[in-house]
Amino acid sequence: MGTSRGGRLCALVACAGMGGACASYRPPFTQPSSASVPADTHQATLVFLWPLTSCDPGGYYTLATTEGRFVGNVAAGTQLRVTVPAGERTVVGWNEQQEVARGAVIKGAVSVLHASLAEGRTYYVRMAFGEWDNKGPREVFGVRTAKQLCIAPDHSMTSAMVVVAPGSEPWKELPGWTVGLEALVPDLAAGQAWLDQHRDVLQYHRAVGEGRFEGLRPDAKRMATLQAEDGTPTSP
């Protein structure tokens, strides 16, 4: 994408060598968020959070709507904030670096989010790795747990976009995430230009992601679906 593949792979290898516990690096088509930029209360705001964990696959995720709108790129240790038109949206995410390294697209590594967005509201979504299989969150001895578990021998093969809504279990973690994660916004013009040149890539991941969503258990579908009321009022 916007940076050299060699530079991105160096960052990936460095993170892997530290067990995933390394400082964030800025993925292509992103820039630091500026507090001086006023929020757009006539659109919806999406914030994608990637807290550092031992399950991180490395690389970065490209996020786009299935209708062809570039949302942004997000990496470990960062949070991506983007405004989008309100309404029904489906966002699909994929990890280019991991796919290149494997030479294949793994169904469980393609994440998808369905969203009903209201203007003037902000929505939070956590990037989760190693916690889901193709059907949804894994159970440990038949009991669900809020503690993160890398359930797959190769956790880079499993990903999900999980709703963080008021009253949900991860909501209490939100203050720490919003303070501790590097705040980024997308370079929408450059990212959209890249996506327009790779429509076949988007369409393929759209098909894989939607197929995976249809196979999720009902509880997992709820966790991967934003309802209009899940947002909080956006500060002007």
C-alpha atoms as a PDB file:
ATOM      1  CA  MET A   1       0.000   0.000   0.000  1.00  0.00           C
ATOM      2  CA  GLY A   2       1.345   3.441   0.925  1.00  0.00           C
ATOM      3  CA  THR A   3       4.622   2.258   2.477  1.00  0.00           C
ATOM      4  CA  SER A   4       7.189  -0.179   1.145  1.00  0.00           C
ATOM      5  CA  ARG A   5       6.493  -3.851   1.702  1.00  0.00           C
ATOM      6  CA  GLY A   6      10.020  -4.248   3.106  1.00  0.00           C
ATOM      7  CA  GLY A   7       9.413  -1.574   5.740  1.00  0.00           C
ATOM      8  CA  ARG A   8       6.102  -3.071   6.746  1.00  0.00           C
ATOM      9  CA  LEU A   9       7.567  -6.549   7.014  1.00  0.00           C
ATOM     10  CA  CYS A  10      10.383  -5.254   9.215  1.00  0.00           C
ATOM     11  CA  ALA A  11       7.788  -3.835  11.594  1.00  0.00           C
ATOM     12  CA  LEU A  12       5.907  -7.118  11.509  1.00  0.00           C
ATOM     13  CA  VAL A  13       9.003  -9.173  12.280  1.00  0.00           C
ATOM     14  CA  ALA A  14       9.985  -6.821  15.107  1.00  0.00           C
ATOM     15  CA  CYS A  15       6.560  -7.217  16.722  1.00  0.00           C
ATOM     16  CA  ALA A  16       6.608 -10.976  16.311  1.00  0.00           C
ATOM     17  CA  GLY A  17      10.001 -11.180  17.969  1.00  0.00           C
ATOM     18  CA  MET A  18       8.604  -9.384  21.000  1.00  0.00           C
ATOM     19  CA  GLY A  19       5.551 -11.633  21.300  1.00  0.00           C
ATOM     20  CA  GLY A  20       3.285  -8.883  19.999  1.00  0.00           C
ATOM     21  CA  ALA A  21       4.065  -6.534  22.935  1.00  0.00           C
ATOM     22  CA  CYS A  22       5.686  -3.756  20.929  1.00  0.00           C
ATOM     23  CA  ALA A  23       4.903  -0.139  20.203  1.00  0.00           C
ATOM     24  CA  SER A  24       2.356   0.555  17.509  1.00  0.00           C
ATOM     25  CA  TYR A  25       3.432   1.490  14.030  1.00  0.00           C
ATOM     26  CA  ARG A  26       1.409   3.672  11.712  1.00  0.00           C
ATOM     27  CA  PRO A  27      -0.173   1.732   8.846  1.00  0.00           C
ATOM     28  CA  PRO A  28      -0.390   3.277   5.359  1.00  0.00           C
ATOM     29  CA  PHE A  29      -3.099   5.768   4.453  1.00  0.00           C
ATOM     30  CA  THR A  30      -3.384   6.998   8.048  1.00  0.00           C
ATOM     31  CA  GLN A  31      -2.300  10.139   9.868  1.00  0.00           C
ATOM     32  CA  PRO A  32      -2.291  11.285  13.501  1.00  0.00           C
ATOM     33  CA  SER A  33      -5.624  12.451  14.814  1.00  0.00           C
ATOM     34  CA  SER A  34      -5.826  16.151  15.595  1.00  0.00           C
ATOM     35  CA  ALA A  35      -7.917  17.369  18.510  1.00  0.00           C
ATOM     36  CA  SER A  36      -8.391  20.648  16.640  1.00  0.00           C
ATOM     37  CA  VAL A  37     -10.526  18.958  13.963  1.00  0.00           C
ATOM     38  CA  PRO A  38     -14.201  19.365  14.964  1.00  0.00           C
ATOM     39  CA  ALA A  39     -16.433  16.309  14.979  1.00  0.00           C
ATOM     40  CA  ASP A  40     -19.058  16.023  12.245  1.00  0.00           C
ATOM     41  CA  THR A  41     -22.371  15.651  14.073  1.00  0.00           C
ATOM     42  CA  HIS A  42     -24.236  15.195  10.780  1.00  0.00           C
ATOM     43  CA  GLN A  43     -22.594  11.832  10.199  1.00  0.00           C
ATOM     44  CA  ALA A  44     -21.875   8.777  12.307  1.00  0.00           C
ATOM     45  CA  THR A  45     -18.440   8.211  13.809  1.00  0.00           C
ATOM     46  CA  LEU A  46     -16.793   4.785  13.977  1.00  0.00           C
ATOM     47  CA  VAL A  47     -13.818   4.109  16.250  1.00  0.00           C
ATOM     48  CA  PHE A  48     -11.909   0.865  15.704  1.00  0.00           C
ATOM     49  CA  LEU A  49      -9.709  -0.140  18.663  1.00  0.00           C
ATOM     50  CA  TRP A  50      -6.795  -2.587  18.516  1.00  0.00           C
ATOM     51  CA  PRO A  51      -5.451  -3.069  22.071  1.00  0.00           C
ATOM     52  CA  LEU A  52      -2.072  -4.798  22.299  1.00  0.00           C
ATOM     53  CA  THR A  53      -2.381  -8.455  23.324  1.00  0.00           C
ATOM     54  CA  SER A  54      -0.384 -11.676  23.076  1.00  0.00           C
ATOM     55  CA  CYS A  55      -2.716 -12.857  20.288  1.00  0.00           C
ATOM     56  CA  ASP A  56      -1.945 -10.102  17.769  1.00  0.00           C
ATOM     57  CA  PRO A  57      -1.176 -11.405  14.275  1.00  0.00           C
ATOM     58  CA  GLY A  58       1.041  -8.488  13.258  1.00  0.00           C
ATOM     59  CA  GLY A  59       0.576  -6.385  10.157  1.00  0.00           C
ATOM     60  CA  TYR A  60      -2.527  -4.240   9.817  1.00  0.00           C
ATOM     61  CA  TYR A  61      -6.159  -4.627   8.814  1.00  0.00           C
ATOM     62  CA  THR A  62      -7.704  -2.827   5.869  1.00  0.00           C
ATOM     63  CA  LEU A  63     -11.325  -1.856   6.548  1.00  0.00           C
ATOM     64  CA  ALA A  64     -13.807  -1.020   3.805  1.00  0.00           C
ATOM     65  CA  THR A  65     -17.553  -1.018   3.354  1.00  0.00           C
ATOM     66  CA  THR A  66     -18.975  -3.647   1.049  1.00  0.00           C
ATOM     67  CA  GLU A  67     -20.323  -0.845  -1.136  1.00  0.00           C
ATOM     68  CA  GLY A  68     -16.737   0.202  -1.885  1.00  0.00           C
ATOM     69  CA  ARG A  69     -15.941   2.996   0.580  1.00  0.00           C
ATOM     70  CA  PHE A  70     -12.453   3.006   2.138  1.00  0.00           C
ATOM     71  CA  VAL A  71     -12.780   3.187   5.928  1.00  0.00           C
ATOM     72  CA  GLY A  72      -9.125   3.019   6.948  1.00  0.00           C
ATOM     73  CA  ASN A  73      -6.240   0.863   8.136  1.00  0.00           C
ATOM     74  CA  VAL A  74      -5.712  -0.110  11.773  1.00  0.00           C
ATOM     75  CA  ALA A  75      -2.758  -1.798  13.473  1.00  0.00           C
ATOM     76  CA  ALA A  76      -1.924  -3.133  16.919  1.00  0.00           C
ATOM     77  CA  GLY A  77      -1.717  -0.363  19.519  1.00  0.00           C
ATOM     78  CA  THR A  78      -3.798   2.097  17.501  1.00  0.00           C
ATOM     79  CA  GLN A  79      -7.358   3.388  17.320  1.00  0.00           C
ATOM     80  CA  LEU A  80      -8.836   4.542  14.040  1.00  0.00           C
ATOM     81  CA  ARG A  81     -11.568   7.194  14.033  1.00  0.00           C
ATOM     82  CA  VAL A  82     -13.579   7.822  10.870  1.00  0.00           C
ATOM     83  CA  THR A  83     -16.868   9.535  10.014  1.00  0.00           C
ATOM     84  CA  VAL A  84     -19.269   7.794   7.646  1.00  0.00           C
ATOM     85  CA  PRO A  85     -22.778   8.572   6.396  1.00  0.00           C
ATOM     86  CA  ALA A  86     -25.500   7.283   8.704  1.00  0.00           C
ATOM     87  CA  GLY A  87     -27.543   4.275   7.645  1.00  0.00           C
ATOM     88  CA  GLU A  88     -27.028   0.574   7.057  1.00  0.00           C
ATOM     89  CA  ARG A  89     -23.383  -0.329   6.539  1.00  0.00           C
ATOM     90  CA  THR A  90     -21.337  -3.513   6.343  1.00  0.00           C
ATOM     91  CA  VAL A  91     -17.593  -3.282   6.976  1.00  0.00           C
ATOM     92  CA  VAL A  92     -15.197  -6.050   6.007  1.00  0.00           C
ATOM     93  CA  GLY A  93     -11.581  -6.308   7.190  1.00  0.00           C
ATOM     94  CA  TRP A  94      -8.565  -8.251   5.953  1.00  0.00           C
ATOM     95  CA  ASN A  95      -4.834  -8.486   6.687  1.00  0.00           C
ATOM     96  CA  GLU A  96      -2.842  -8.070   3.471  1.00  0.00           C
ATOM     97  CA  GLN A  97       0.495  -8.945   5.025  1.00  0.00           C
ATOM     98  CA  GLN A  98      -0.709 -12.201   6.527  1.00  0.00           C
ATOM     99  CA  GLU A  99      -2.360 -13.225   3.282  1.00  0.00           C
ATOM    100  CA  VAL A 100       0.792 -12.522   1.302  1.00  0.00           C
ATOM    101  CA  ALA A 101       2.870 -14.487   3.806  1.00  0.00           C
ATOM    102  CA  ARG A 102       0.485 -17.463   3.617  1.00  0.00           C
ATOM    103  CA  GLY A 103      -0.262 -17.250  -0.054  1.00  0.00           C
ATOM    104  CA  ALA A 104      -3.944 -17.714   0.749  1.00  0.00           C
ATOM    105  CA  VAL A 105      -7.013 -16.059   2.275  1.00  0.00           C
ATOM    106  CA  ILE A 106      -8.119 -17.786   5.492  1.00  0.00           C
ATOM    107  CA  LYS A 107     -11.866 -17.498   6.094  1.00  0.00           C
ATOM    108  CA  GLY A 108     -11.483 -17.082   9.865  1.00  0.00           C
ATOM    109  CA  ALA A 109      -9.072 -14.170   9.391  1.00  0.00           C
ATOM    110  CA  VAL A 110     -11.597 -12.087   7.416  1.00  0.00           C
ATOM    111  CA  SER A 111     -13.722 -10.086   9.837  1.00  0.00           C
ATOM    112  CA  VAL A 112     -17.082  -8.453   9.147  1.00  0.00           C
ATOM    113  CA  LEU A 113     -19.280  -5.930  10.953  1.00  0.00           C
ATOM    114  CA  HIS A 114     -22.923  -5.128  10.235  1.00  0.00           C
ATOM    115  CA  ALA A 115     -24.003  -1.695  11.436  1.00  0.00           C
ATOM    116  CA  SER A 116     -27.116   0.476  11.690  1.00  0.00           C
ATOM    117  CA  LEU A 117     -25.639   3.922  12.265  1.00  0.00           C
ATOM    118  CA  ALA A 118     -27.369   7.111  13.378  1.00  0.00           C
ATOM    119  CA  GLU A 119     -26.004  10.555  12.647  1.00  0.00           C
ATOM    120  CA  GLY A 120     -24.495  12.426  15.561  1.00  0.00           C
ATOM    121  CA  ARG A 121     -23.484   9.250  17.388  1.00  0.00           C
ATOM    122  CA  THR A 122     -20.111   7.580  18.001  1.00  0.00           C
ATOM    123  CA  TYR A 123     -19.675   3.799  17.884  1.00  0.00           C
ATOM    124  CA  TYR A 124     -16.796   1.678  19.203  1.00  0.00           C
ATOM    125  CA  VAL A 125     -15.554  -1.613  17.812  1.00  0.00           C
ATOM    126  CA  ARG A 126     -12.707  -3.789  19.132  1.00  0.00           C
ATOM    127  CA  MET A 127     -10.455  -5.756  16.815  1.00  0.00           C
ATOM    128  CA  ALA A 128     -10.218  -9.216  18.410  1.00  0.00           C
ATOM    129  CA  PHE A 129      -7.737 -11.955  17.584  1.00  0.00           C
ATOM    130  CA  GLY A 130      -7.341 -15.528  18.756  1.00  0.00           C
ATOM    131  CA  GLU A 131     -10.709 -15.534  20.538  1.00  0.00           C
ATOM    132  CA  TRP A 132     -13.117 -16.674  17.800  1.00  0.00           C
ATOM    133  CA  ASP A 133     -13.342 -19.555  15.415  1.00  0.00           C
ATOM    134  CA  ASN A 134     -15.496 -19.488  12.273  1.00  0.00           C
ATOM    135  CA  LYS A 135     -18.672 -19.799  14.353  1.00  0.00           C
ATOM    136  CA  GLY A 136     -17.982 -17.220  17.072  1.00  0.00           C
ATOM    137  CA  PRO A 137     -16.281 -16.858  20.477  1.00  0.00           C
ATOM    138  CA  ARG A 138     -14.812 -20.109  21.722  1.00  0.00           C
ATOM    139  CA  GLU A 139     -15.856 -21.630  25.036  1.00  0.00           C
ATOM    140  CA  VAL A 140     -13.410 -22.976  27.613  1.00  0.00           C
ATOM    141  CA  PHE A 141     -14.722 -26.009  29.499  1.00  0.00           C
ATOM    142  CA  GLY A 142     -18.232 -24.912  28.549  1.00  0.00           C
ATOM    143  CA  VAL A 143     -17.927 -21.542  30.311  1.00  0.00           C
ATOM    144  CA  ARG A 144     -17.549 -18.221  28.546  1.00  0.00           C
ATOM    145  CA  THR A 145     -14.826 -15.973  29.877  1.00  0.00           C
ATOM    146  CA  ALA A 146     -13.982 -12.297  29.449  1.00  0.00           C
ATOM    147  CA  LYS A 147     -10.294 -13.160  29.683  1.00  0.00           C
ATOM    148  CA  GLN A 148      -8.607 -13.224  26.316  1.00  0.00           C
ATOM    149  CA  LEU A 149      -7.480 -16.662  25.198  1.00  0.00           C
ATOM    150  CA  CYS A 150      -5.499 -17.495  22.082  1.00  0.00           C
ATOM    151  CA  ILE A 151      -7.691 -20.440  21.161  1.00  0.00           C
ATOM    152  CA  ALA A 152      -5.962 -21.450  17.941  1.00  0.00           C
ATOM    153  CA  PRO A 153      -2.404 -22.800  17.597  1.00  0.00           C
ATOM    154  CA  ASP A 154      -2.033 -20.181  14.866  1.00  0.00           C
ATOM    155  CA  HIS A 155      -4.038 -17.284  16.253  1.00  0.00           C
ATOM    156  CA  SER A 156      -3.376 -15.083  13.216  1.00  0.00           C
ATOM    157  CA  MET A 157      -6.003 -17.228  11.463  1.00  0.00           C
ATOM    158  CA  THR A 158      -8.863 -15.958  13.658  1.00  0.00           C
ATOM    159  CA  SER A 159     -10.221 -12.418  13.844  1.00  0.00           C
ATOM    160  CA  ALA A 160     -13.421 -10.542  14.602  1.00  0.00           C
ATOM    161  CA  MET A 161     -14.798  -7.033  14.917  1.00  0.00           C
ATOM    162  CA  VAL A 162     -16.609  -6.951  18.270  1.00  0.00           C
ATOM    163  CA  VAL A 163     -19.105  -4.269  19.298  1.00  0.00           C
ATOM    164  CA  VAL A 164     -18.182  -2.222  22.385  1.00  0.00           C
ATOM    165  CA  ALA A 165     -21.491  -0.788  23.591  1.00  0.00           C
ATOM    166  CA  PRO A 166     -22.668   0.732  26.892  1.00  0.00           C
ATOM    167  CA  GLY A 167     -23.392  -2.062  29.339  1.00  0.00           C
ATOM    168  CA  SER A 168     -21.273  -4.640  27.493  1.00  0.00           C
ATOM    169  CA  GLU A 169     -18.387  -6.436  29.187  1.00  0.00           C
ATOM    170  CA  PRO A 170     -15.611  -4.529  27.320  1.00  0.00           C
ATOM    171  CA  TRP A 171     -17.213  -1.114  27.932  1.00  0.00           C
ATOM    172  CA  LYS A 172     -15.350  -0.764  31.226  1.00  0.00           C
ATOM    173  CA  GLU A 173     -12.075  -1.078  29.304  1.00  0.00           C
ATOM    174  CA  LEU A 174     -12.932   1.742  26.908  1.00  0.00           C
ATOM    175  CA  PRO A 175     -11.457   4.666  28.923  1.00  0.00           C
ATOM    176  CA  GLY A 176      -8.081   2.943  29.101  1.00  0.00           C
ATOM    177  CA  TRP A 177      -8.137   2.053  25.424  1.00  0.00           C
ATOM    178  CA  THR A 178      -9.057   5.530  24.228  1.00  0.00           C
ATOM    179  CA  VAL A 179      -6.248   7.056  26.292  1.00  0.00           C
ATOM    180  CA  GLY A 180      -3.599   4.412  25.688  1.00  0.00           C
ATOM    181  CA  LEU A 181      -3.955   3.686  21.973  1.00  0.00           C
ATOM    182  CA  GLU A 182      -2.384   5.916  19.331  1.00  0.00           C
ATOM    183  CA  ALA A 183      -5.180   7.940  17.722  1.00  0.00           C
ATOM    184  CA  LEU A 184      -5.270   7.854  13.924  1.00  0.00           C
ATOM    185  CA  VAL A 185      -7.564   9.081  11.191  1.00  0.00           C
ATOM    186  CA  PRO A 186      -7.574   7.764   7.631  1.00  0.00           C
ATOM    187  CA  ASP A 187      -6.150   9.505   4.589  1.00  0.00           C
ATOM    188  CA  LEU A 188      -9.399   8.930   2.772  1.00  0.00           C
ATOM    189  CA  ALA A 189      -8.349  10.301  -0.612  1.00  0.00           C
ATOM    190  CA  ALA A 190      -5.237   8.129  -0.891  1.00  0.00           C
ATOM    191  CA  GLY A 191      -6.941   5.081   0.622  1.00  0.00           C
ATOM    192  CA  GLN A 192      -9.930   5.387  -1.686  1.00  0.00           C
ATOM    193  CA  ALA A 193      -7.663   5.702  -4.707  1.00  0.00           C
ATOM    194  CA  TRP A 194      -5.925   2.466  -3.676  1.00  0.00           C
ATOM    195  CA  LEU A 195      -9.222   0.670  -3.095  1.00  0.00           C
ATOM    196  CA  ASP A 196     -10.621   1.817  -6.450  1.00  0.00           C
ATOM    197  CA  GLN A 197      -7.635   0.155  -8.106  1.00  0.00           C
ATOM    198  CA  HIS A 198      -8.215  -3.088  -6.179  1.00  0.00           C
ATOM    199  CA  ARG A 199     -11.952  -3.656  -6.509  1.00  0.00           C
ATOM    200  CA  ASP A 200     -11.362  -7.348  -7.138  1.00  0.00           C
ATOM    201  CA  VAL A 201      -9.628  -7.615  -3.747  1.00  0.00           C
ATOM    202  CA  LEU A 202     -12.575  -5.963  -2.002  1.00  0.00           C
ATOM    203  CA  GLN A 203     -15.160  -8.089  -3.791  1.00  0.00           C
ATOM    204  CA  TYR A 204     -13.344 -11.296  -2.899  1.00  0.00           C
ATOM    205  CA  HIS A 205     -13.072 -10.391   0.784  1.00  0.00           C
ATOM    206  CA  ARG A 206     -16.668  -9.201   0.774  1.00  0.00           C
ATOM    207  CA  ALA A 207     -17.811 -12.640  -0.358  1.00  0.00           C
ATOM    208  CA  VAL A 208     -15.625 -14.419   2.203  1.00  0.00           C
ATOM    209  CA  GLY A 209     -16.668 -12.114   5.050  1.00  0.00           C
ATOM    210  CA  GLU A 210     -20.383 -12.275   4.309  1.00  0.00           C
ATOM    211  CA  GLY A 211     -20.185 -16.044   4.040  1.00  0.00           C
ATOM    212  CA  ARG A 212     -18.504 -16.217   7.413  1.00  0.00           C
ATOM    213  CA  PHE A 213     -21.102 -13.909   8.993  1.00  0.00           C
ATOM    214  CA  GLU A 214     -23.925 -16.132   7.794  1.00  0.00           C
ATOM    215  CA  GLY A 215     -22.259 -19.083   9.516  1.00  0.00           C
ATOM    216  CA  LEU A 216     -21.885 -17.361  12.899  1.00  0.00           C
ATOM    217  CA  ARG A 217     -23.928 -18.470  15.879  1.00  0.00           C
ATOM    218  CA  PRO A 218     -26.761 -16.070  16.869  1.00  0.00           C
ATOM    219  CA  ASP A 219     -24.800 -14.720  19.858  1.00  0.00           C
ATOM    220  CA  ALA A 220     -21.768 -14.047  17.669  1.00  0.00           C
ATOM    221  CA  LYS A 221     -23.887 -12.240  15.094  1.00  0.00           C
ATOM    222  CA  ARG A 222     -25.154  -9.946  17.869  1.00  0.00           C
ATOM    223  CA  MET A 223     -21.568  -9.234  18.955  1.00  0.00           C
ATOM    224  CA  ALA A 224     -20.647  -8.341  15.349  1.00  0.00           C
ATOM    225  CA  THR A 225     -23.673  -6.093  14.759  1.00  0.00           C
ATOM    226  CA  LEU A 226     -23.948  -2.440  15.759  1.00  0.00           C
ATOM    227  CA  GLN A 227     -27.437  -1.202  16.550  1.00  0.00           C
ATOM    228  CA  ALA A 228     -28.267   2.511  16.268  1.00  0.00           C
ATOM    229  CA  GLU A 229     -28.697   2.732  20.068  1.00  0.00           C
ATOM    230  CA  ASP A 230     -25.177   1.350  20.670  1.00  0.00           C
ATOM    231  CA  GLY A 231     -23.686   4.758  19.899  1.00  0.00           C
ATOM    232  CA  THR A 232     -23.074   7.631  22.275  1.00  0.00           C
ATOM    233  CA  PRO A 233     -23.699  11.305  21.375  1.00  0.00           C
ATOM    234  CA  THR A 234     -20.818  12.773  19.397  1.00  0.00           C
ATOM    235  CA  SER A 235     -19.364  15.904  20.977  1.00  0.00           C
ATOM    236  CA  PRO A 236     -19.378  18.867  18.559  1.00  0.00           C
END
